[in-house]
């Protein structure tokens, strides 16, 4: 089996494995408690994971879903997506801030208070849900008041729906209030403190929960989780990979490096840069699909690489290359459509990467200019300077072989013996003028220079 076929088979088997993992069973035995675990920022990957987890629980007729949560906060749109999915769940959702030392900050405060049951492990905190600017500063002016009032109205609605302390929820937004687990129970922010999953289920047993029904309405059920087996439905391999690369900086790096690799592949086809480039671009689009992406930025980046590639093949005197770098710079700066912290491409990363691209482009430009300034020789004139070997004694005429071809030749420094290395110095019709190759001349050792014969 040839190497390309082996590589194709390997990639096919790898892809089959991923497809098998992705298309695994989506139902479980009925009557279980499904445990979801999220430790990280609130982003579209979390939204997708929670949606999948609750879907699996509903199809499996699970008794409840437990969401173990530890988050510093994150994207407002993803937070609202998670809460919307909890509110439309047909099985009770128990949000558990766990393990010890965890927090439900910012967007995590909203999600915790939205659970049908809300609990916290010892040594955990909740709160500090004030909206902030993209650079970490406070929102000011009319925009600040608009965002803050919207967040207050939203969290008060959540608290009132679940019968929790709406006044403290407002303080968490307006004044960044935060409390520990015991104080949260006292203030009626969460329902109780649980030392573990078993304690959590024990204290949740028998509590009422208003869940959605199959017809778009709601119904009240009594949570019955006593003695129910647990099913740990953690993030899949795809979700873990997506969370790893669903970072605007990583997505921009993959997009830029993948584009550069394809440019190199077009310039010098080998497959060594083309294959990694395609993989990087696919991963980049995979990540961008989970981010609040501004596709105009993606278009600018693609247009930038087109201009850079055109600079290589067209004499643009650097104008196309500079235009390409500017397009890449602008595309990187507006790549994401969010103004929240953690969901923007670092401007320093964009500037640094564009500097590297500029240096690479300058290097290519230098090579091209040097190549264009070299004298052009074509046809038989290209033989001048070529090396060959005598195939007969040249005295002064004879036969030589140059670049695998036999030529009639005249030696400038005749006689030259058979097998003597020669170099072409001229061309007269179909006859070459050659001389002994200087590189083949052996010099006498220094000790013998000037020595008298014995």
Protein backbone atom coordinates (compact mmCIF):
# COMPACT_ATOMS: atom_id res chain seq x y z
CA UNK A 1 0.00 0.00 0.00
CA UNK A 2 1.41 3.40 -1.00
CA UNK A 3 2.00 6.14 1.53
CA UNK A 4 -0.84 8.41 0.28
CA UNK A 5 -3.28 5.52 0.58
CA UNK A 6 -2.08 4.76 4.10
CA UNK A 7 -2.56 8.41 5.07
CA UNK A 8 -6.01 8.46 3.52
CA UNK A 9 -6.98 5.29 5.38
CA UNK A 10 -5.69 6.70 8.66
CA UNK A 11 -7.66 9.91 8.27
CA UNK A 12 -10.75 7.96 7.23
CA UNK A 13 -10.55 5.74 10.33
CA UNK A 14 -9.98 8.78 12.53
CA UNK A 15 -12.98 10.53 11.00
CA UNK A 16 -15.08 7.40 11.44
CA UNK A 17 -14.12 7.29 15.10
CA UNK A 18 -15.15 10.90 15.62
CA UNK A 19 -18.43 10.37 13.79
CA UNK A 20 -19.14 7.29 15.89
CA UNK A 21 -18.44 9.25 19.06
CA UNK A 22 -20.64 12.11 17.91
CA UNK A 23 -23.51 9.86 16.89
CA UNK A 24 -23.53 7.76 20.03
CA UNK A 25 -26.67 6.88 21.94
CA UNK A 26 -28.74 9.92 22.96
CA UNK A 27 -31.05 8.08 25.35
CA UNK A 28 -30.46 6.38 28.67
CA UNK A 29 -32.49 4.07 30.90
CA UNK A 30 -35.48 5.84 32.43
CA UNK A 31 -35.57 6.98 36.03
CA UNK A 32 -31.99 8.26 36.32
CA UNK A 33 -30.67 11.58 37.57
CA UNK A 34 -28.47 13.14 34.86
CA UNK A 35 -25.49 15.08 36.21
CA UNK A 36 -24.04 17.83 34.02
CA UNK A 37 -20.77 19.52 34.98
CA UNK A 38 -19.55 22.89 33.77
CA UNK A 39 -16.31 24.49 34.95
CA UNK A 40 -15.49 27.52 32.83
CA UNK A 41 -16.87 30.66 31.28
CA UNK A 42 -20.45 30.98 30.11
CA UNK A 43 -20.17 30.84 26.33
CA UNK A 44 -21.91 29.24 23.34
CA UNK A 45 -20.18 25.91 24.04
CA UNK A 46 -21.79 25.78 27.48
CA UNK A 47 -25.13 26.72 25.94
CA UNK A 48 -24.80 23.86 23.45
CA UNK A 49 -23.74 21.42 26.17
CA UNK A 50 -26.62 22.28 28.51
CA UNK A 51 -29.10 22.06 25.66
CA UNK A 52 -27.78 18.60 24.72
CA UNK A 53 -27.80 17.43 28.33
CA UNK A 54 -31.37 18.49 29.00
CA UNK A 55 -32.49 17.01 25.66
CA UNK A 56 -30.97 13.66 26.64
CA UNK A 57 -32.66 13.81 30.05
CA UNK A 58 -36.04 14.56 28.50
CA UNK A 59 -35.79 11.76 25.94
CA UNK A 60 -34.70 9.36 28.66
CA UNK A 61 -37.53 10.31 31.01
CA UNK A 62 -35.01 11.26 33.69
CA UNK A 63 -36.16 12.20 37.16
CA UNK A 64 -34.05 15.37 37.27
CA UNK A 65 -30.99 17.13 35.90
CA UNK A 66 -28.23 18.30 38.24
CA UNK A 67 -26.01 21.07 36.89
CA UNK A 68 -22.76 21.30 38.86
CA UNK A 69 -21.58 24.83 38.17
CA UNK A 70 -18.34 26.74 38.69
CA UNK A 71 -18.04 29.87 36.56
CA UNK A 72 -16.66 33.42 36.70
CA UNK A 73 -19.39 34.54 34.27
CA UNK A 74 -19.32 35.13 30.57
CA UNK A 75 -21.41 36.03 27.57
CA UNK A 76 -24.84 37.57 28.18
CA UNK A 77 -26.42 35.96 25.11
CA UNK A 78 -25.22 32.49 26.13
CA UNK A 79 -26.43 33.03 29.69
CA UNK A 80 -29.89 33.89 28.42
CA UNK A 81 -29.82 30.85 26.14
CA UNK A 82 -29.03 28.54 29.09
CA UNK A 83 -31.76 30.10 31.25
CA UNK A 84 -34.26 29.82 28.43
CA UNK A 85 -33.45 26.11 28.09
CA UNK A 86 -33.85 25.59 31.85
CA UNK A 87 -37.21 27.34 31.80
CA UNK A 88 -38.46 25.14 28.94
CA UNK A 89 -37.15 21.91 30.45
CA UNK A 90 -39.70 19.15 31.01
CA UNK A 91 -37.62 17.72 33.87
CA UNK A 92 -36.58 19.60 37.04
CA UNK A 93 -33.15 21.25 36.87
CA UNK A 94 -31.15 21.46 40.10
CA UNK A 95 -28.29 23.98 39.93
CA UNK A 96 -25.51 23.13 42.37
CA UNK A 97 -22.56 25.50 42.84
CA UNK A 98 -19.88 22.90 43.43
CA UNK A 99 -17.29 21.70 44.40
CA UNK A 100 -15.99 23.53 47.47
CA UNK A 101 -14.15 26.67 46.46
CA UNK A 102 -16.31 27.26 43.38
CA UNK A 103 -18.30 30.36 42.50
CA UNK A 104 -21.32 31.41 40.51
CA UNK A 105 -20.30 34.93 39.60
CA UNK A 106 -21.79 37.36 37.11
CA UNK A 107 -23.74 35.28 34.55
CA UNK A 108 -23.46 32.30 36.91
CA UNK A 109 -25.63 34.18 39.44
CA UNK A 110 -28.46 34.42 36.93
CA UNK A 111 -28.18 30.72 35.98
CA UNK A 112 -28.09 29.53 39.60
CA UNK A 113 -31.16 31.54 40.57
CA UNK A 114 -32.98 30.20 37.48
CA UNK A 115 -32.76 26.58 38.65
CA UNK A 116 -35.90 24.86 39.94
CA UNK A 117 -33.73 24.08 42.94
CA UNK A 118 -30.61 26.13 43.75
CA UNK A 119 -27.96 24.87 46.16
CA UNK A 120 -24.34 25.61 47.06
CA UNK A 121 -21.49 23.53 48.42
CA UNK A 122 -19.54 24.70 51.48
CA UNK A 123 -17.00 27.47 50.83
CA UNK A 124 -18.62 28.75 47.65
CA UNK A 125 -19.82 32.22 46.63
CA UNK A 126 -22.49 33.79 44.46
CA UNK A 127 -23.02 37.31 43.14
CA UNK A 128 -21.04 40.19 41.63
CA UNK A 129 -23.28 40.35 38.57
CA UNK A 130 -22.67 43.97 37.51
CA UNK A 131 -22.35 44.41 33.72
CA UNK A 132 -18.95 45.78 32.67
CA UNK A 133 -17.37 47.20 29.54
CA UNK A 134 -15.23 45.27 27.07
CA UNK A 135 -12.01 46.58 28.65
CA UNK A 136 -13.13 45.75 32.19
CA UNK A 137 -14.19 49.29 33.04
CA UNK A 138 -17.62 50.40 34.23
CA UNK A 139 -20.33 51.15 31.72
CA UNK A 140 -21.22 54.84 31.89
CA UNK A 141 -23.78 57.21 30.51
CA UNK A 142 -27.04 56.25 28.85
CA UNK A 143 -25.62 52.95 27.60
CA UNK A 144 -24.55 51.97 31.11
CA UNK A 145 -27.97 52.75 32.56
CA UNK A 146 -29.67 50.90 29.73
CA UNK A 147 -27.61 47.72 30.17
CA UNK A 148 -27.83 47.81 33.97
CA UNK A 149 -31.60 48.36 34.07
CA UNK A 150 -32.11 45.56 31.54
CA UNK A 151 -30.03 43.18 33.66
CA UNK A 152 -31.90 44.20 36.83
CA UNK A 153 -35.27 43.60 35.22
CA UNK A 154 -34.11 40.21 33.95
CA UNK A 155 -32.69 38.93 37.24
CA UNK A 156 -35.68 40.21 39.23
CA UNK A 157 -37.97 38.32 36.88
CA UNK A 158 -35.93 35.14 37.42
CA UNK A 159 -35.97 35.55 41.21
CA UNK A 160 -39.72 36.20 41.31
CA UNK A 161 -40.41 33.21 39.06
CA UNK A 162 -38.52 30.90 41.43
CA UNK A 163 -39.70 32.60 44.63
CA UNK A 164 -36.25 33.92 45.59
CA UNK A 165 -34.96 37.22 46.96
CA UNK A 166 -35.44 39.68 44.11
CA UNK A 167 -34.13 42.65 46.12
CA UNK A 168 -30.76 40.98 46.73
CA UNK A 169 -30.66 39.90 43.10
CA UNK A 170 -30.98 43.58 42.13
CA UNK A 171 -28.14 44.48 44.51
CA UNK A 172 -25.96 41.80 42.88
CA UNK A 173 -26.35 43.71 39.61
CA UNK A 174 -26.36 47.34 40.75
CA UNK A 175 -23.76 47.11 43.54
CA UNK A 176 -21.92 43.87 42.64
CA UNK A 177 -23.11 42.25 45.89
CA UNK A 178 -21.67 38.80 46.58
CA UNK A 179 -22.26 36.40 49.47
CA UNK A 180 -21.07 33.03 50.75
CA UNK A 181 -23.21 29.91 50.81
CA UNK A 182 -24.60 30.30 54.35
CA UNK A 183 -25.47 33.95 53.87
CA UNK A 184 -27.08 33.07 50.53
CA UNK A 185 -29.41 30.63 52.31
CA UNK A 186 -30.25 33.25 54.96
CA UNK A 187 -31.10 35.81 52.27
CA UNK A 188 -33.21 33.27 50.35
CA UNK A 189 -30.90 33.49 47.33
CA UNK A 190 -30.50 29.69 47.19
CA UNK A 191 -32.47 26.93 48.86
CA UNK A 192 -29.87 25.12 50.94
CA UNK A 193 -26.23 24.09 51.40
CA UNK A 194 -25.35 20.53 50.32
CA UNK A 195 -22.11 18.72 51.14
CA UNK A 196 -22.29 16.45 48.09
CA UNK A 197 -24.53 14.95 45.42
CA UNK A 198 -26.21 12.50 47.82
CA UNK A 199 -26.96 15.30 50.27
CA UNK A 200 -28.16 17.46 47.39
CA UNK A 201 -30.64 14.80 46.21
CA UNK A 202 -31.78 14.10 49.77
CA UNK A 203 -32.65 17.75 50.39
CA UNK A 204 -34.24 18.13 46.94
CA UNK A 205 -36.55 15.17 47.49
CA UNK A 206 -40.21 16.18 47.64
CA UNK A 207 -39.76 19.81 46.57
CA UNK A 208 -42.24 21.18 44.02
CA UNK A 209 -40.99 22.34 40.61
CA UNK A 210 -42.85 24.12 37.80
CA UNK A 211 -41.64 22.55 34.54
CA UNK A 212 -42.74 22.80 30.91
CA UNK A 213 -45.08 20.28 29.37
CA UNK A 214 -45.07 18.81 25.88
CA UNK A 215 -47.71 21.29 24.66
CA UNK A 216 -45.94 24.55 25.49
CA UNK A 217 -47.57 25.04 28.87
CA UNK A 218 -46.36 24.38 32.39
CA UNK A 219 -47.13 21.86 35.09
CA UNK A 220 -46.13 21.40 38.70
CA UNK A 221 -44.29 18.22 39.62
CA UNK A 222 -42.81 16.89 42.83
CA UNK A 223 -39.12 16.11 42.63
CA UNK A 224 -38.59 12.40 43.25
CA UNK A 225 -34.91 11.53 43.19
CA UNK A 226 -34.64 9.25 46.20
CA UNK A 227 -32.63 6.14 45.32
CA UNK A 228 -32.33 7.17 41.65
CA UNK A 229 -29.15 6.02 39.89
CA UNK A 230 -26.80 8.76 38.66
CA UNK A 231 -25.68 9.23 35.09
CA UNK A 232 -22.65 11.49 34.63
CA UNK A 233 -23.28 13.17 31.28
CA UNK A 234 -20.10 15.20 30.95
CA UNK A 235 -19.00 17.27 27.95
CA UNK A 236 -18.25 15.22 24.85
CA UNK A 237 -14.88 15.14 23.09
CA UNK A 238 -16.22 17.59 20.52
CA UNK A 239 -17.48 19.98 23.20
CA UNK A 240 -14.17 19.85 25.06
CA UNK A 241 -12.29 20.51 21.83
CA UNK A 242 -14.67 23.31 20.93
CA UNK A 243 -14.30 24.88 24.38
CA UNK A 244 -10.53 24.68 24.02
CA UNK A 245 -10.46 26.49 20.69
CA UNK A 246 -13.60 28.64 21.15
CA UNK A 247 -11.43 31.55 22.12
CA UNK A 248 -11.33 34.59 19.81
CA UNK A 249 -7.52 34.73 19.98
CA UNK A 250 -7.11 31.04 19.12
CA UNK A 251 -9.72 31.29 16.35
CA UNK A 252 -7.89 34.29 14.86
CA UNK A 253 -4.55 32.47 15.07
CA UNK A 254 -5.97 29.38 13.36
CA UNK A 255 -7.62 31.50 10.68
CA UNK A 256 -4.48 33.53 9.99
CA UNK A 257 -1.97 30.69 10.11
CA UNK A 258 -4.24 28.47 8.01
CA UNK A 259 -4.53 31.21 5.40
CA UNK A 260 -0.76 31.74 5.34
CA UNK A 261 -0.23 28.00 4.93
CA UNK A 262 -2.52 27.94 1.90
CA UNK A 263 -0.71 30.93 0.41
CA UNK A 264 2.60 29.05 0.76
CA UNK A 265 1.00 25.97 -0.79
CA UNK A 266 -0.11 27.94 -3.85
CA UNK A 267 3.34 29.47 -4.21
CA UNK A 268 5.19 26.19 -3.70
CA UNK A 269 2.86 23.17 -4.03
CA UNK A 270 4.05 20.31 -1.82
CA UNK A 271 1.20 19.32 0.49
CA UNK A 272 3.42 20.00 3.51
CA UNK A 273 1.70 23.34 4.17
CA UNK A 274 -1.59 22.80 2.36
CA UNK A 275 -2.87 19.93 4.52
CA UNK A 276 -2.12 21.63 7.90
CA UNK A 277 -3.55 24.85 6.46
CA UNK A 278 -6.87 23.24 5.59
CA UNK A 279 -7.06 21.58 9.01
CA UNK A 280 -6.33 24.92 10.74
CA UNK A 281 -9.02 26.68 8.69
CA UNK A 282 -11.60 23.97 9.47
CA UNK A 283 -10.84 24.25 13.19
CA UNK A 284 -11.04 28.04 12.93
CA UNK A 285 -14.51 27.91 11.36
CA UNK A 286 -15.49 25.28 13.95
CA UNK A 287 -14.49 27.74 16.69
CA UNK A 288 -16.08 30.76 15.00
CA UNK A 289 -19.35 28.85 14.81
CA UNK A 290 -19.42 28.83 18.62
CA UNK A 291 -18.50 32.51 19.01
CA UNK A 292 -20.39 35.74 18.38
CA UNK A 293 -18.64 36.15 15.04
CA UNK A 294 -18.68 39.21 12.80
CA UNK A 295 -18.48 37.58 9.38
CA UNK A 296 -17.46 40.86 7.79
CA UNK A 297 -14.21 40.44 9.74
CA UNK A 298 -13.80 36.94 8.31
CA UNK A 299 -14.40 38.35 4.83
CA UNK A 300 -11.75 41.03 5.35
CA UNK A 301 -9.22 38.41 6.47
CA UNK A 302 -9.96 36.27 3.39
CA UNK A 303 -9.65 39.33 1.14
CA UNK A 304 -6.34 40.18 2.81
CA UNK A 305 -4.88 36.81 1.89
CA UNK A 306 -6.12 37.20 -1.69
CA UNK A 307 -4.25 40.52 -1.92
CA UNK A 308 -1.09 39.00 -0.41
CA UNK A 309 -1.22 36.13 -2.89
CA UNK A 310 -1.75 38.59 -5.73
CA UNK A 311 1.31 40.53 -4.59
CA UNK A 312 3.43 37.43 -5.11
CA UNK A 313 2.31 36.87 -8.69
CA UNK A 314 1.57 40.42 -9.81
CA UNK A 315 4.02 43.32 -9.85
CA UNK A 316 2.10 45.54 -7.47
CA UNK A 317 5.11 47.44 -6.11
CA UNK A 318 4.00 46.51 -2.59
CA UNK A 319 0.56 48.16 -2.82
CA UNK A 320 -1.31 44.83 -2.87
CA UNK A 321 0.74 43.46 0.01
CA UNK A 322 0.17 46.55 2.17
CA UNK A 323 -3.53 46.44 1.33
CA UNK A 324 -3.61 42.78 2.36
CA UNK A 325 -1.99 43.50 5.73
CA UNK A 326 -4.43 46.36 6.38
CA UNK A 327 -7.37 44.08 5.52
CA UNK A 328 -6.04 41.40 7.90
CA UNK A 329 -5.58 44.00 10.64
CA UNK A 330 -9.11 45.36 10.32
CA UNK A 331 -10.58 41.86 10.04
CA UNK A 332 -8.85 40.73 13.22
CA UNK A 333 -10.03 43.77 15.18
CA UNK A 334 -13.69 43.27 14.24
CA UNK A 335 -13.66 39.47 14.06
CA UNK A 336 -16.06 39.03 16.99
CA UNK A 337 -19.34 40.84 17.30
CA UNK A 338 -19.24 41.06 21.10
CA UNK A 339 -18.00 43.89 23.30
CA UNK A 340 -17.68 41.73 26.40
CA UNK A 341 -14.44 40.85 28.13
CA UNK A 342 -13.02 37.53 26.95
CA UNK A 343 -14.84 37.57 23.62
CA UNK A 344 -12.63 39.93 21.65
CA UNK A 345 -9.38 39.35 19.80
CA UNK A 346 -6.45 40.95 21.59
CA UNK A 347 -5.36 43.98 19.59
CA UNK A 348 -1.74 43.29 20.56
CA UNK A 349 -2.03 39.78 19.13
CA UNK A 350 -3.43 41.23 15.89
CA UNK A 351 -0.65 43.82 15.65
CA UNK A 352 2.09 41.30 16.44
CA UNK A 353 0.78 38.77 13.93
CA UNK A 354 0.45 41.41 11.24
CA UNK A 355 4.06 42.45 11.90
CA UNK A 356 5.14 38.85 11.33
CA UNK A 357 3.08 38.64 8.13
CA UNK A 358 4.65 41.91 6.98
CA UNK A 359 8.17 40.59 7.58
CA UNK A 360 7.38 37.38 5.70
CA UNK A 361 5.94 39.41 2.83
CA UNK A 362 9.05 41.62 2.75
CA UNK A 363 11.21 38.49 2.59
CA UNK A 364 9.22 37.18 -0.37
CA UNK A 365 9.39 40.58 -2.04
CA UNK A 366 13.17 40.60 -1.66
CA UNK A 367 13.48 37.15 -3.20
CA UNK A 368 11.22 38.11 -6.11
CA UNK A 369 13.09 41.37 -6.77
CA UNK A 370 16.41 39.53 -6.75
CA UNK A 371 15.04 36.89 -9.13
CA UNK A 372 13.66 39.53 -11.48
CA UNK A 373 17.00 41.34 -11.62
CA UNK A 374 18.93 38.21 -12.58
CA UNK A 375 19.90 38.00 -16.27
CA UNK A 376 17.60 35.77 -18.25
CA UNK A 377 19.20 33.02 -20.23
CA UNK A 378 17.24 30.49 -22.19
CA UNK A 379 17.83 27.72 -24.70
CA UNK A 380 21.43 26.76 -25.55
CA UNK A 381 22.83 29.94 -24.00
CA UNK A 382 21.91 28.49 -20.62
CA UNK A 383 24.71 25.89 -21.17
CA UNK A 384 27.43 28.51 -20.61
CA UNK A 385 28.91 27.79 -17.22
CA UNK A 386 27.52 24.27 -17.12
CA UNK A 387 29.84 21.46 -16.11
CA UNK A 388 30.46 18.20 -17.93
CA UNK A 389 32.99 15.45 -18.65
CA UNK A 390 35.20 14.70 -21.63
CA UNK A 391 34.23 11.50 -23.40
CA UNK A 392 37.26 11.43 -25.68
CA UNK A 393 40.67 13.09 -25.84
CA UNK A 394 40.29 16.74 -26.76
CA UNK A 395 43.29 17.81 -28.84
CA UNK A 396 41.73 20.25 -29.28
CA UNK A 397 38.54 18.69 -30.72
CA UNK A 398 36.61 15.90 -29.18
CA UNK A 399 33.34 14.89 -27.49
CA UNK A 400 31.98 15.95 -24.10
CA UNK A 401 28.84 15.10 -22.14
CA UNK A 402 27.03 18.07 -20.55
CA UNK A 403 23.74 17.59 -18.68
CA UNK A 404 23.39 14.09 -20.07
CA UNK A 405 23.83 15.14 -23.71
CA UNK A 406 26.79 14.50 -26.06
CA UNK A 407 28.31 17.55 -27.72
CA UNK A 408 31.18 18.17 -30.10
CA UNK A 409 33.64 20.43 -28.33
CA UNK A 410 36.92 22.34 -28.70
CA UNK A 411 39.20 22.65 -25.69
CA UNK A 412 40.74 26.05 -24.93
CA UNK A 413 43.55 24.46 -22.93
CA UNK A 414 44.15 21.36 -25.05
CA UNK A 415 45.05 18.65 -24.76
CA UNK A 416 42.47 17.25 -22.29
CA UNK A 417 42.33 13.55 -21.59
CA UNK A 418 39.23 11.38 -21.49
CA UNK A 419 37.13 11.69 -18.26
CA UNK A 420 38.52 15.15 -17.56
CA UNK A 421 35.94 17.42 -15.84
CA UNK A 422 35.22 20.45 -18.03
CA UNK A 423 33.18 23.64 -17.90
CA UNK A 424 31.48 25.24 -20.90
CA UNK A 425 32.85 28.69 -21.79
CA UNK A 426 31.19 29.35 -25.13
CA UNK A 427 28.94 28.14 -27.89
CA UNK A 428 29.53 28.22 -31.65
CA UNK A 429 26.58 26.79 -33.49
CA UNK A 430 26.35 23.16 -32.33
CA UNK A 431 29.90 23.04 -31.00
CA UNK A 432 30.86 23.91 -27.42
CA UNK A 433 34.01 25.62 -26.26
CA UNK A 434 35.23 24.11 -23.00
CA UNK A 435 38.12 24.22 -20.61
CA UNK A 436 39.32 22.16 -17.70
CA UNK A 437 37.07 22.61 -14.67
CA UNK A 438 39.17 24.66 -12.16
CA UNK A 439 37.45 22.89 -9.28
CA UNK A 440 39.02 19.60 -10.41
CA UNK A 441 42.60 20.85 -10.34
CA UNK A 442 44.50 19.43 -7.41
CA UNK A 443 46.94 21.81 -5.75
CA UNK A 444 50.33 20.63 -4.55
CA UNK A 445 50.78 20.48 -0.77
CA UNK A 446 52.30 23.64 0.70
CA UNK A 447 55.50 21.75 1.66
CA UNK A 448 56.13 20.94 -2.00
CA UNK A 449 55.67 24.45 -3.35
CA UNK A 450 59.09 25.75 -4.58
CA UNK A 451 60.87 22.50 -3.64
CA UNK A 452 63.72 21.44 -5.93
CA UNK A 453 63.45 18.04 -7.60
CA UNK A 454 65.67 15.39 -6.06
